């Protein structure tokens, strides 16, 4: 349940807050959702106002909790800190992350780069833990691009996500019902369907 809430908070940040330039501070997050609630209440709705308020408060709390966790790692506005915070249980946050995973996620998140040599070292590593698995999946899922650069060549993001999903499943790095794995499998399926439709 905790990881599901963290994942939903991360989705909200990447899909709702960042596109609108909302500063990741507690009050700004609450103000954003209060304004959205007011806008949602304007048309006639069959949803009870108290239920609507509960839903918006839940979403705002998920985001604020994730921002607080990211702040414990450094700058909460840093996408990599947000991903790491969401991918970690509280007791895992103080442990260091396997350096190739950190470097790969950093390059993918900030530069749309996927170095194949770095990726190969990750795929062959026996040092991966659940935190690293979730970070790799999240960094790939939340990248808004179809392709990434690998030393001058454009590689489909779908292929990278497929390799990470395959690794996580083959090495049993995450439980089958882990929210990050489930979300990654859905994202991968959507990318594959979109590609199939584009070929028609």
N, C-alpha and C. Protein backbone atom coordinates (compact mmCIF):
# COMPACT_ATOMS: atom_id res chain seq x y z
N UNK A 1 0.82 -1.19 0.00
CA UNK A 1 0.00 0.00 0.00
C UNK A 1 0.87 1.27 0.00
N UNK A 2 1.95 1.24 0.79
CA UNK A 2 2.84 2.39 0.86
C UNK A 2 3.45 2.69 -0.51
N UNK A 3 3.97 1.65 -1.18
CA UNK A 3 4.59 1.85 -2.49
C UNK A 3 3.57 2.30 -3.53
N UNK A 4 2.34 1.78 -3.43
CA UNK A 4 1.28 2.20 -4.36
C UNK A 4 1.01 3.69 -4.19
N UNK A 5 0.95 4.15 -2.96
CA UNK A 5 0.73 5.56 -2.69
C UNK A 5 1.90 6.40 -3.21
N UNK A 6 3.12 5.91 -3.02
CA UNK A 6 4.30 6.63 -3.51
C UNK A 6 4.28 6.71 -5.04
N UNK A 7 3.92 5.61 -5.70
CA UNK A 7 3.85 5.59 -7.16
C UNK A 7 2.79 6.57 -7.66
N UNK A 8 1.63 6.57 -7.01
CA UNK A 8 0.57 7.50 -7.42
C UNK A 8 1.00 8.95 -7.22
N UNK A 9 1.73 9.21 -6.13
CA UNK A 9 2.26 10.55 -5.92
C UNK A 9 3.23 10.95 -7.01
N UNK A 10 4.10 10.00 -7.40
CA UNK A 10 5.07 10.27 -8.46
C UNK A 10 4.37 10.53 -9.78
N UNK A 11 3.33 9.75 -10.09
CA UNK A 11 2.55 9.98 -11.31
C UNK A 11 1.93 11.37 -11.29
N UNK A 12 1.39 11.75 -10.15
CA UNK A 12 0.77 13.08 -10.05
C UNK A 12 1.78 14.18 -10.29
N UNK A 13 2.98 14.02 -9.75
CA UNK A 13 4.01 15.05 -9.93
C UNK A 13 4.39 15.16 -11.40
N UNK A 14 4.68 14.01 -12.04
CA UNK A 14 5.15 14.04 -13.42
C UNK A 14 4.03 14.38 -14.42
N UNK A 15 2.80 13.95 -14.14
CA UNK A 15 1.73 14.13 -15.11
C UNK A 15 0.82 15.33 -14.84
N UNK A 16 0.77 15.79 -13.59
CA UNK A 16 -0.14 16.89 -13.26
C UNK A 16 0.58 18.16 -12.83
N UNK A 17 1.53 18.03 -11.92
CA UNK A 17 2.14 19.23 -11.34
C UNK A 17 3.24 19.83 -12.21
N UNK A 18 4.19 19.01 -12.64
CA UNK A 18 5.31 19.54 -13.43
C UNK A 18 4.86 20.21 -14.73
N UNK A 19 3.90 19.64 -15.47
CA UNK A 19 3.47 20.33 -16.70
C UNK A 19 2.91 21.74 -16.45
N UNK A 20 2.39 21.98 -15.25
CA UNK A 20 1.84 23.30 -14.92
C UNK A 20 2.83 24.16 -14.14
N UNK A 21 4.05 23.65 -13.96
CA UNK A 21 5.08 24.43 -13.28
C UNK A 21 4.82 24.67 -11.81
N UNK A 22 4.08 23.76 -11.17
CA UNK A 22 3.77 23.91 -9.75
C UNK A 22 5.04 23.64 -8.94
N UNK A 23 5.37 24.59 -8.06
CA UNK A 23 6.54 24.41 -7.20
C UNK A 23 6.23 23.31 -6.19
N UNK A 24 7.19 22.43 -5.98
CA UNK A 24 6.96 21.28 -5.11
C UNK A 24 7.21 21.63 -3.65
N UNK A 25 6.34 22.48 -3.15
CA UNK A 25 6.31 22.87 -1.74
C UNK A 25 4.93 22.51 -1.22
N UNK A 26 4.85 22.20 0.06
CA UNK A 26 3.59 21.71 0.65
C UNK A 26 2.40 22.63 0.33
N UNK A 27 2.54 23.93 0.56
CA UNK A 27 1.42 24.84 0.37
C UNK A 27 1.04 24.97 -1.11
N UNK A 28 2.04 25.02 -2.00
CA UNK A 28 1.74 25.15 -3.43
C UNK A 28 1.01 23.90 -3.94
N UNK A 29 1.40 22.74 -3.44
CA UNK A 29 0.73 21.49 -3.84
C UNK A 29 -0.73 21.53 -3.37
N UNK A 30 -0.95 21.91 -2.11
CA UNK A 30 -2.32 21.99 -1.60
C UNK A 30 -3.14 23.01 -2.37
N UNK A 31 -2.56 24.17 -2.66
CA UNK A 31 -3.27 25.20 -3.43
C UNK A 31 -3.66 24.69 -4.81
N UNK A 32 -2.76 23.95 -5.46
CA UNK A 32 -3.05 23.40 -6.79
C UNK A 32 -4.28 22.50 -6.74
N UNK A 33 -4.30 21.60 -5.76
CA UNK A 33 -5.43 20.67 -5.67
C UNK A 33 -6.70 21.35 -5.19
N UNK A 34 -6.58 22.38 -4.35
CA UNK A 34 -7.77 23.15 -3.96
C UNK A 34 -8.40 23.82 -5.17
N UNK A 35 -7.57 24.39 -6.05
CA UNK A 35 -8.09 25.04 -7.27
C UNK A 35 -8.73 24.01 -8.19
N UNK A 36 -8.11 22.83 -8.30
CA UNK A 36 -8.70 21.78 -9.14
C UNK A 36 -10.02 21.30 -8.56
N UNK A 37 -10.11 21.23 -7.23
CA UNK A 37 -11.36 20.83 -6.58
C UNK A 37 -12.45 21.85 -6.87
N UNK A 38 -12.12 23.13 -6.74
CA UNK A 38 -13.10 24.17 -7.03
C UNK A 38 -13.59 24.08 -8.47
N UNK A 39 -12.67 23.82 -9.39
CA UNK A 39 -13.06 23.69 -10.80
C UNK A 39 -13.92 22.45 -11.03
N UNK A 40 -13.63 21.39 -10.32
CA UNK A 40 -14.39 20.14 -10.49
C UNK A 40 -15.79 20.26 -9.92
N UNK A 41 -15.98 21.13 -8.93
CA UNK A 41 -17.29 21.27 -8.30
C UNK A 41 -18.22 22.17 -9.09
N UNK A 42 -17.69 22.95 -10.04
CA UNK A 42 -18.53 23.89 -10.79
C UNK A 42 -19.64 23.21 -11.58
N UNK A 43 -19.31 22.21 -12.44
CA UNK A 43 -20.42 21.57 -13.13
C UNK A 43 -21.21 20.69 -12.16
N UNK A 44 -22.47 20.44 -12.52
CA UNK A 44 -23.30 19.57 -11.68
C UNK A 44 -22.69 18.18 -11.73
N UNK A 45 -22.50 17.61 -10.58
CA UNK A 45 -21.86 16.30 -10.48
C UNK A 45 -22.66 15.42 -9.57
N UNK A 46 -22.68 14.11 -9.88
CA UNK A 46 -23.39 13.17 -9.03
C UNK A 46 -22.54 12.75 -7.84
N UNK A 47 -21.27 13.13 -7.86
CA UNK A 47 -20.36 12.79 -6.76
C UNK A 47 -20.61 13.74 -5.60
N UNK A 48 -20.76 13.20 -4.43
CA UNK A 48 -20.98 14.04 -3.25
C UNK A 48 -19.77 14.93 -3.02
N UNK A 49 -20.00 16.19 -2.66
CA UNK A 49 -18.87 17.12 -2.43
C UNK A 49 -17.87 16.60 -1.40
N UNK A 50 -18.33 15.92 -0.37
CA UNK A 50 -17.38 15.42 0.63
C UNK A 50 -16.50 14.31 0.07
N UNK A 51 -17.05 13.49 -0.81
CA UNK A 51 -16.24 12.43 -1.44
C UNK A 51 -15.22 13.05 -2.39
N UNK A 52 -15.67 14.07 -3.12
CA UNK A 52 -14.76 14.77 -4.02
C UNK A 52 -13.62 15.41 -3.22
N UNK A 53 -13.92 16.03 -2.12
CA UNK A 53 -12.90 16.65 -1.26
C UNK A 53 -11.95 15.57 -0.75
N UNK A 54 -12.48 14.41 -0.35
CA UNK A 54 -11.64 13.32 0.16
C UNK A 54 -10.65 12.86 -0.91
N UNK A 55 -11.14 12.72 -2.14
CA UNK A 55 -10.27 12.27 -3.23
C UNK A 55 -9.16 13.27 -3.51
N UNK A 56 -9.49 14.54 -3.53
CA UNK A 56 -8.47 15.57 -3.79
C UNK A 56 -7.48 15.65 -2.63
N UNK A 57 -7.96 15.53 -1.40
CA UNK A 57 -7.05 15.55 -0.25
C UNK A 57 -6.11 14.35 -0.26
N UNK A 58 -6.63 13.20 -0.65
CA UNK A 58 -5.79 12.00 -0.73
C UNK A 58 -4.66 12.22 -1.73
N UNK A 59 -5.01 12.76 -2.89
CA UNK A 59 -4.00 13.00 -3.92
C UNK A 59 -2.98 14.04 -3.45
N UNK A 60 -3.44 15.10 -2.84
CA UNK A 60 -2.53 16.14 -2.34
C UNK A 60 -1.62 15.56 -1.26
N UNK A 61 -2.15 14.72 -0.39
CA UNK A 61 -1.33 14.10 0.66
C UNK A 61 -0.28 13.17 0.08
N UNK A 62 -0.64 12.41 -0.94
CA UNK A 62 0.34 11.53 -1.58
C UNK A 62 1.51 12.33 -2.13
N UNK A 63 1.19 13.42 -2.79
CA UNK A 63 2.25 14.26 -3.38
C UNK A 63 3.08 14.91 -2.28
N UNK A 64 2.43 15.47 -1.27
CA UNK A 64 3.18 16.14 -0.20
C UNK A 64 4.09 15.16 0.54
N UNK A 65 3.60 13.95 0.80
CA UNK A 65 4.42 12.94 1.47
C UNK A 65 5.63 12.56 0.63
N UNK A 66 5.43 12.43 -0.67
CA UNK A 66 6.54 12.10 -1.56
C UNK A 66 7.55 13.25 -1.61
N UNK A 67 7.06 14.47 -1.66
CA UNK A 67 7.95 15.64 -1.67
C UNK A 67 8.76 15.67 -0.38
N UNK A 68 8.13 15.40 0.74
CA UNK A 68 8.86 15.36 2.01
C UNK A 68 9.95 14.29 1.98
N UNK A 69 9.63 13.12 1.43
CA UNK A 69 10.62 12.04 1.33
C UNK A 69 11.77 12.44 0.41
N UNK A 70 11.45 13.09 -0.70
CA UNK A 70 12.49 13.53 -1.64
C UNK A 70 13.38 14.59 -1.00
N UNK A 71 12.80 15.45 -0.18
CA UNK A 71 13.60 16.47 0.50
C UNK A 71 14.63 15.84 1.43
N UNK A 72 14.32 14.66 1.97
CA UNK A 72 15.29 13.99 2.85
C UNK A 72 16.50 13.50 2.06
N UNK A 73 16.35 13.41 0.73
CA UNK A 73 17.46 13.00 -0.14
C UNK A 73 18.18 14.20 -0.77
N UNK A 74 17.61 15.38 -0.61
CA UNK A 74 18.19 16.58 -1.22
C UNK A 74 17.09 17.46 -1.76
N UNK A 75 17.26 17.95 -2.96
CA UNK A 75 16.31 18.86 -3.61
C UNK A 75 15.08 18.08 -4.07
N UNK A 76 13.91 18.47 -3.57
CA UNK A 76 12.66 17.80 -3.95
C UNK A 76 12.25 18.10 -5.38
N UNK A 77 12.81 19.16 -5.97
CA UNK A 77 12.51 19.49 -7.37
C UNK A 77 13.32 18.65 -8.34
N UNK A 78 14.27 17.89 -7.84
CA UNK A 78 15.10 17.04 -8.67
C UNK A 78 14.34 15.75 -8.99
N UNK A 79 14.09 15.50 -10.26
CA UNK A 79 13.30 14.33 -10.66
C UNK A 79 13.90 13.02 -10.16
N UNK A 80 15.21 12.94 -10.14
CA UNK A 80 15.87 11.71 -9.69
C UNK A 80 15.61 11.47 -8.20
N UNK A 81 15.63 12.52 -7.39
CA UNK A 81 15.31 12.38 -5.97
C UNK A 81 13.86 11.95 -5.78
N UNK A 82 12.96 12.48 -6.61
CA UNK A 82 11.55 12.08 -6.52
C UNK A 82 11.39 10.61 -6.86
N UNK A 83 12.07 10.18 -7.92
CA UNK A 83 11.99 8.76 -8.33
C UNK A 83 12.56 7.87 -7.23
N UNK A 84 13.71 8.24 -6.71
CA UNK A 84 14.34 7.43 -5.67
C UNK A 84 13.47 7.37 -4.42
N UNK A 85 12.90 8.50 -4.02
CA UNK A 85 12.03 8.52 -2.84
C UNK A 85 10.80 7.64 -3.04
N UNK A 86 10.21 7.72 -4.22
CA UNK A 86 9.01 6.91 -4.49
C UNK A 86 9.33 5.43 -4.54
N UNK A 87 10.52 5.08 -5.01
CA UNK A 87 10.91 3.68 -5.18
C UNK A 87 11.39 3.03 -3.90
N UNK A 88 11.54 3.81 -2.84
CA UNK A 88 12.13 3.31 -1.60
C UNK A 88 11.11 3.24 -0.47
N UNK A 89 11.23 2.20 0.31
CA UNK A 89 10.52 2.16 1.59
C UNK A 89 11.32 3.06 2.54
N UNK A 90 10.69 3.59 3.60
CA UNK A 90 11.40 4.52 4.48
C UNK A 90 12.75 4.00 4.99
N UNK A 91 12.81 2.74 5.35
CA UNK A 91 14.06 2.19 5.89
C UNK A 91 15.13 2.00 4.82
N UNK A 92 14.76 2.06 3.54
CA UNK A 92 15.72 1.88 2.45
C UNK A 92 16.35 3.19 1.98
N UNK A 93 15.75 4.31 2.36
CA UNK A 93 16.18 5.60 1.83
C UNK A 93 17.60 6.00 2.19
N UNK A 94 18.06 5.54 3.34
CA UNK A 94 19.40 5.96 3.78
C UNK A 94 20.51 5.12 3.14
N UNK A 95 20.16 4.00 2.52
CA UNK A 95 21.17 3.16 1.87
C UNK A 95 21.56 3.75 0.52
N UNK A 96 22.80 3.51 0.15
CA UNK A 96 23.24 4.01 -1.16
C UNK A 96 22.64 3.14 -2.27
N UNK A 97 22.55 3.74 -3.43
CA UNK A 97 22.02 3.05 -4.61
C UNK A 97 23.20 2.59 -5.46
N UNK A 98 23.08 1.43 -6.06
CA UNK A 98 24.10 0.87 -6.95
C UNK A 98 24.45 1.92 -8.00
N UNK A 99 25.71 2.33 -8.04
CA UNK A 99 26.17 3.47 -8.84
C UNK A 99 25.76 3.40 -10.32
N UNK A 100 25.92 2.27 -11.02
CA UNK A 100 25.49 2.25 -12.42
C UNK A 100 24.00 2.55 -12.60
N UNK A 101 23.18 2.11 -11.65
CA UNK A 101 21.74 2.41 -11.72
C UNK A 101 21.51 3.90 -11.54
N UNK A 102 22.18 4.48 -10.57
CA UNK A 102 22.04 5.91 -10.33
C UNK A 102 22.47 6.71 -11.56
N UNK A 103 23.61 6.35 -12.13
CA UNK A 103 24.11 7.04 -13.32
C UNK A 103 23.18 6.87 -14.52
N UNK A 104 22.70 5.65 -14.73
CA UNK A 104 21.80 5.39 -15.86
C UNK A 104 20.51 6.19 -15.71
N UNK A 105 19.91 6.15 -14.52
CA UNK A 105 18.66 6.89 -14.29
C UNK A 105 18.87 8.39 -14.45
N UNK A 106 20.01 8.88 -14.00
CA UNK A 106 20.32 10.30 -14.12
C UNK A 106 20.42 10.71 -15.59
N UNK A 107 21.17 9.95 -16.38
CA UNK A 107 21.32 10.27 -17.81
C UNK A 107 19.99 10.13 -18.54
N UNK A 108 19.21 9.11 -18.20
CA UNK A 108 17.93 8.90 -18.86
C UNK A 108 16.97 10.04 -18.52
N UNK A 109 16.90 10.40 -17.25
CA UNK A 109 15.96 11.42 -16.79
C UNK A 109 16.30 12.82 -17.28
N UNK A 110 17.59 13.18 -17.24
CA UNK A 110 17.97 14.56 -17.52
C UNK A 110 18.48 14.79 -18.95
N UNK A 111 18.97 13.73 -19.60
CA UNK A 111 19.57 13.92 -20.92
C UNK A 111 18.94 13.07 -22.03
N UNK A 112 17.91 12.28 -21.69
CA UNK A 112 17.30 11.35 -22.65
C UNK A 112 18.35 10.44 -23.27
N UNK A 113 19.32 10.02 -22.45
CA UNK A 113 20.39 9.14 -22.91
C UNK A 113 20.26 7.78 -22.24
N UNK A 114 20.61 6.73 -23.00
CA UNK A 114 20.63 5.37 -22.47
C UNK A 114 21.91 4.71 -22.98
N UNK A 115 22.96 4.82 -22.20
CA UNK A 115 24.25 4.25 -22.59
C UNK A 115 24.17 2.72 -22.54
N UNK A 116 24.38 2.07 -23.69
CA UNK A 116 24.23 0.62 -23.77
C UNK A 116 25.24 -0.12 -22.90
N UNK A 117 26.44 0.43 -22.73
CA UNK A 117 27.44 -0.23 -21.88
C UNK A 117 27.03 -0.17 -20.42
N UNK A 118 26.50 0.96 -20.02
CA UNK A 118 26.01 1.10 -18.65
C UNK A 118 24.82 0.17 -18.42
N UNK A 119 23.94 0.12 -19.42
CA UNK A 119 22.77 -0.75 -19.31
C UNK A 119 23.20 -2.22 -19.23
N UNK A 120 24.19 -2.59 -20.01
CA UNK A 120 24.69 -3.96 -19.98
C UNK A 120 25.23 -4.32 -18.59
N UNK A 121 25.96 -3.40 -17.97
CA UNK A 121 26.49 -3.68 -16.63
C UNK A 121 25.35 -3.84 -15.62
N UNK A 122 24.26 -3.11 -15.82
CA UNK A 122 23.10 -3.24 -14.94
C UNK A 122 22.42 -4.59 -15.16
N UNK A 123 22.21 -4.95 -16.42
CA UNK A 123 21.52 -6.20 -16.73
C UNK A 123 22.31 -7.43 -16.27
N UNK A 124 23.64 -7.30 -16.20
CA UNK A 124 24.47 -8.42 -15.78
C UNK A 124 24.79 -8.41 -14.28
N UNK A 125 24.40 -7.36 -13.60
CA UNK A 125 24.75 -7.22 -12.18
C UNK A 125 23.97 -8.19 -11.30
N UNK A 126 24.61 -8.58 -10.22
CA UNK A 126 23.94 -9.39 -9.21
C UNK A 126 23.73 -8.57 -7.94
N UNK A 127 23.96 -7.27 -8.01
CA UNK A 127 23.85 -6.38 -6.85
C UNK A 127 22.53 -5.62 -6.80
N UNK A 128 21.64 -5.87 -7.74
CA UNK A 128 20.39 -5.11 -7.78
C UNK A 128 19.45 -5.52 -6.66
N UNK A 129 18.83 -4.51 -6.07
CA UNK A 129 17.83 -4.72 -5.02
C UNK A 129 16.50 -4.17 -5.52
N UNK A 130 15.44 -4.36 -4.77
CA UNK A 130 14.14 -3.83 -5.19
C UNK A 130 14.14 -2.32 -5.47
N UNK A 131 14.87 -1.55 -4.65
CA UNK A 131 14.92 -0.09 -4.87
C UNK A 131 15.44 0.22 -6.26
N UNK A 132 16.56 -0.42 -6.65
CA UNK A 132 17.14 -0.16 -7.97
C UNK A 132 16.18 -0.61 -9.07
N UNK A 133 15.52 -1.74 -8.88
CA UNK A 133 14.56 -2.22 -9.88
C UNK A 133 13.45 -1.20 -10.08
N UNK A 134 12.89 -0.70 -8.99
CA UNK A 134 11.81 0.29 -9.09
C UNK A 134 12.31 1.58 -9.73
N UNK A 135 13.53 2.01 -9.37
CA UNK A 135 14.08 3.24 -9.96
C UNK A 135 14.22 3.10 -11.47
N UNK A 136 14.74 1.97 -11.93
CA UNK A 136 14.91 1.75 -13.37
C UNK A 136 13.56 1.77 -14.09
N UNK A 137 12.58 1.10 -13.50
CA UNK A 137 11.25 1.08 -14.12
C UNK A 137 10.63 2.48 -14.14
N UNK A 138 10.70 3.19 -13.02
CA UNK A 138 10.08 4.52 -12.94
C UNK A 138 10.77 5.52 -13.87
N UNK A 139 12.10 5.52 -13.88
CA UNK A 139 12.82 6.47 -14.75
C UNK A 139 12.46 6.24 -16.21
N UNK A 140 12.25 4.99 -16.58
CA UNK A 140 11.90 4.68 -17.96
C UNK A 140 10.43 4.99 -18.24
N UNK A 141 9.54 4.64 -17.32
CA UNK A 141 8.10 4.87 -17.52
C UNK A 141 7.74 6.34 -17.61
N UNK A 142 8.38 7.17 -16.79
CA UNK A 142 7.99 8.57 -16.72
C UNK A 142 8.77 9.47 -17.66
N UNK A 143 9.53 8.90 -18.54
CA UNK A 143 10.22 9.69 -19.55
C UNK A 143 9.25 9.92 -20.71
N UNK A 144 9.05 11.16 -21.05
CA UNK A 144 8.11 11.50 -22.12
C UNK A 144 8.90 11.56 -23.43
N UNK A 145 9.14 10.40 -23.99
CA UNK A 145 9.88 10.29 -25.26
C UNK A 145 9.61 8.92 -25.85
N UNK A 146 9.74 8.82 -27.16
CA UNK A 146 9.60 7.52 -27.82
C UNK A 146 10.95 6.86 -28.02
N UNK A 147 11.97 7.70 -28.16
CA UNK A 147 13.33 7.18 -28.35
C UNK A 147 14.29 7.93 -27.45
N UNK A 148 15.43 7.28 -27.18
CA UNK A 148 16.50 7.91 -26.40
C UNK A 148 17.81 7.70 -27.14
N UNK A 149 18.79 8.54 -26.81
CA UNK A 149 20.07 8.50 -27.49
C UNK A 149 21.01 7.49 -26.84
N UNK A 150 21.61 6.64 -27.67
CA UNK A 150 22.65 5.72 -27.21
C UNK A 150 23.86 5.94 -28.11
N UNK A 151 24.74 6.84 -27.68
CA UNK A 151 25.95 7.17 -28.45
C UNK A 151 25.65 7.50 -29.92
N UNK A 152 24.66 8.37 -30.12
CA UNK A 152 24.33 8.82 -31.46
C UNK A 152 23.24 8.02 -32.16
N UNK A 153 22.87 6.89 -31.63
CA UNK A 153 21.79 6.08 -32.22
C UNK A 153 20.52 6.27 -31.40
N UNK A 154 19.39 6.33 -32.08
CA UNK A 154 18.11 6.45 -31.40
C UNK A 154 17.56 5.05 -31.10
N UNK A 155 17.30 4.79 -29.84
CA UNK A 155 16.80 3.49 -29.38
C UNK A 155 15.38 3.68 -28.87
N UNK A 156 14.44 2.83 -29.28
CA UNK A 156 13.07 2.97 -28.76
C UNK A 156 13.02 2.78 -27.24
N UNK A 157 12.34 3.68 -26.57
CA UNK A 157 12.19 3.60 -25.12
C UNK A 157 11.50 2.29 -24.74
N UNK A 158 10.60 1.85 -25.59
CA UNK A 158 9.88 0.59 -25.36
C UNK A 158 10.86 -0.57 -25.17
N UNK A 159 11.94 -0.60 -25.97
CA UNK A 159 12.92 -1.69 -25.87
C UNK A 159 13.64 -1.67 -24.52
N UNK A 160 13.94 -0.49 -24.05
CA UNK A 160 14.62 -0.37 -22.75
C UNK A 160 13.69 -0.82 -21.63
N UNK A 161 12.45 -0.35 -21.68
CA UNK A 161 11.48 -0.76 -20.67
C UNK A 161 11.27 -2.27 -20.70
N UNK A 162 11.19 -2.85 -21.89
CA UNK A 162 11.01 -4.30 -22.02
C UNK A 162 12.18 -5.06 -21.38
N UNK A 163 13.39 -4.57 -21.58
CA UNK A 163 14.55 -5.23 -20.97
C UNK A 163 14.50 -5.16 -19.45
N UNK A 164 14.11 -4.01 -18.92
CA UNK A 164 14.05 -3.87 -17.47
C UNK A 164 12.93 -4.71 -16.87
N UNK A 165 11.78 -4.74 -17.53
CA UNK A 165 10.68 -5.59 -17.05
C UNK A 165 11.12 -7.05 -17.08
N UNK A 166 11.76 -7.45 -18.17
CA UNK A 166 12.26 -8.82 -18.28
C UNK A 166 13.26 -9.15 -17.19
N UNK A 167 14.18 -8.23 -16.91
CA UNK A 167 15.18 -8.43 -15.85
C UNK A 167 14.51 -8.60 -14.49
N UNK A 168 13.58 -7.70 -14.18
CA UNK A 168 12.91 -7.74 -12.88
C UNK A 168 12.16 -9.06 -12.70
N UNK A 169 11.50 -9.51 -13.76
CA UNK A 169 10.75 -10.77 -13.66
C UNK A 169 11.68 -11.98 -13.60
N UNK A 170 12.71 -12.00 -14.44
CA UNK A 170 13.62 -13.14 -14.49
C UNK A 170 14.39 -13.30 -13.18
N UNK A 171 14.82 -12.19 -12.60
CA UNK A 171 15.61 -12.24 -11.37
C UNK A 171 14.74 -12.16 -10.12
N UNK A 172 13.44 -12.03 -10.32
CA UNK A 172 12.48 -11.92 -9.22
C UNK A 172 12.88 -10.83 -8.23
N UNK A 173 13.21 -9.67 -8.80
CA UNK A 173 13.63 -8.54 -7.97
C UNK A 173 12.46 -7.90 -7.24
N UNK A 174 11.27 -8.04 -7.80
CA UNK A 174 10.07 -7.49 -7.19
C UNK A 174 8.97 -8.55 -7.18
N UNK A 175 8.08 -8.42 -6.22
CA UNK A 175 6.92 -9.31 -6.18
C UNK A 175 6.06 -9.07 -7.42
N UNK A 176 5.35 -10.08 -7.85
CA UNK A 176 4.51 -9.94 -9.06
C UNK A 176 3.47 -8.84 -8.92
N UNK A 177 3.06 -8.55 -7.67
CA UNK A 177 2.04 -7.52 -7.46
C UNK A 177 2.63 -6.18 -7.04
N UNK A 178 3.95 -6.01 -7.19
CA UNK A 178 4.57 -4.73 -6.87
C UNK A 178 3.98 -3.66 -7.79
N UNK A 179 3.52 -2.53 -7.25
CA UNK A 179 2.87 -1.51 -8.09
C UNK A 179 3.76 -0.97 -9.20
N UNK A 180 5.06 -0.87 -8.97
CA UNK A 180 5.96 -0.38 -10.01
C UNK A 180 6.04 -1.38 -11.17
N UNK A 181 6.10 -2.66 -10.85
CA UNK A 181 6.16 -3.68 -11.89
C UNK A 181 4.84 -3.73 -12.66
N UNK A 182 3.73 -3.69 -11.95
CA UNK A 182 2.42 -3.72 -12.62
C UNK A 182 2.26 -2.52 -13.56
N UNK A 183 2.64 -1.35 -13.06
CA UNK A 183 2.54 -0.13 -13.88
C UNK A 183 3.46 -0.20 -15.10
N UNK A 184 4.66 -0.73 -14.90
CA UNK A 184 5.61 -0.86 -16.02
C UNK A 184 5.08 -1.83 -17.07
N UNK A 185 4.47 -2.91 -16.63
CA UNK A 185 3.91 -3.86 -17.59
C UNK A 185 2.77 -3.23 -18.38
N UNK A 186 1.95 -2.44 -17.73
CA UNK A 186 0.87 -1.72 -18.43
C UNK A 186 1.43 -0.70 -19.42
N UNK A 187 2.46 0.03 -18.99
CA UNK A 187 3.09 1.02 -19.87
C UNK A 187 3.70 0.34 -21.09
N UNK A 188 4.36 -0.79 -20.85
CA UNK A 188 4.98 -1.53 -21.95
C UNK A 188 3.92 -2.04 -22.93
N UNK A 189 2.84 -2.56 -22.40
CA UNK A 189 1.76 -3.05 -23.26
C UNK A 189 1.17 -1.90 -24.09
N UNK A 190 1.00 -0.73 -23.47
CA UNK A 190 0.47 0.42 -24.20
C UNK A 190 1.42 0.86 -25.31
N UNK A 191 2.73 0.87 -25.02
CA UNK A 191 3.71 1.25 -26.04
C UNK A 191 3.71 0.25 -27.20
N UNK A 192 3.58 -1.03 -26.88
CA UNK A 192 3.55 -2.05 -27.92
C UNK A 192 2.30 -1.94 -28.77
N UNK A 193 1.15 -1.67 -28.14
CA UNK A 193 -0.09 -1.49 -28.90
C UNK A 193 -0.02 -0.28 -29.80
N UNK A 194 0.54 0.80 -29.28
CA UNK A 194 0.68 2.02 -30.07
C UNK A 194 1.58 1.78 -31.28
N UNK A 195 2.66 1.04 -31.08
CA UNK A 195 3.55 0.75 -32.20
C UNK A 195 2.84 -0.12 -33.24
N UNK A 196 2.07 -1.10 -32.78
CA UNK A 196 1.34 -1.98 -33.70
C UNK A 196 0.33 -1.17 -34.51
N UNK A 197 -0.37 -0.24 -33.85
CA UNK A 197 -1.34 0.60 -34.55
C UNK A 197 -0.67 1.51 -35.57
N UNK A 198 0.52 1.99 -35.25
CA UNK A 198 1.23 2.87 -36.17
C UNK A 198 1.73 2.14 -37.41
N UNK A 199 1.86 0.82 -37.31
CA UNK A 199 2.33 0.03 -38.45
C UNK A 199 1.21 -0.36 -39.39
N UNK A 200 -0.03 -0.12 -38.96
CA UNK A 200 -1.18 -0.49 -39.81
C UNK A 200 -1.37 0.52 -40.90
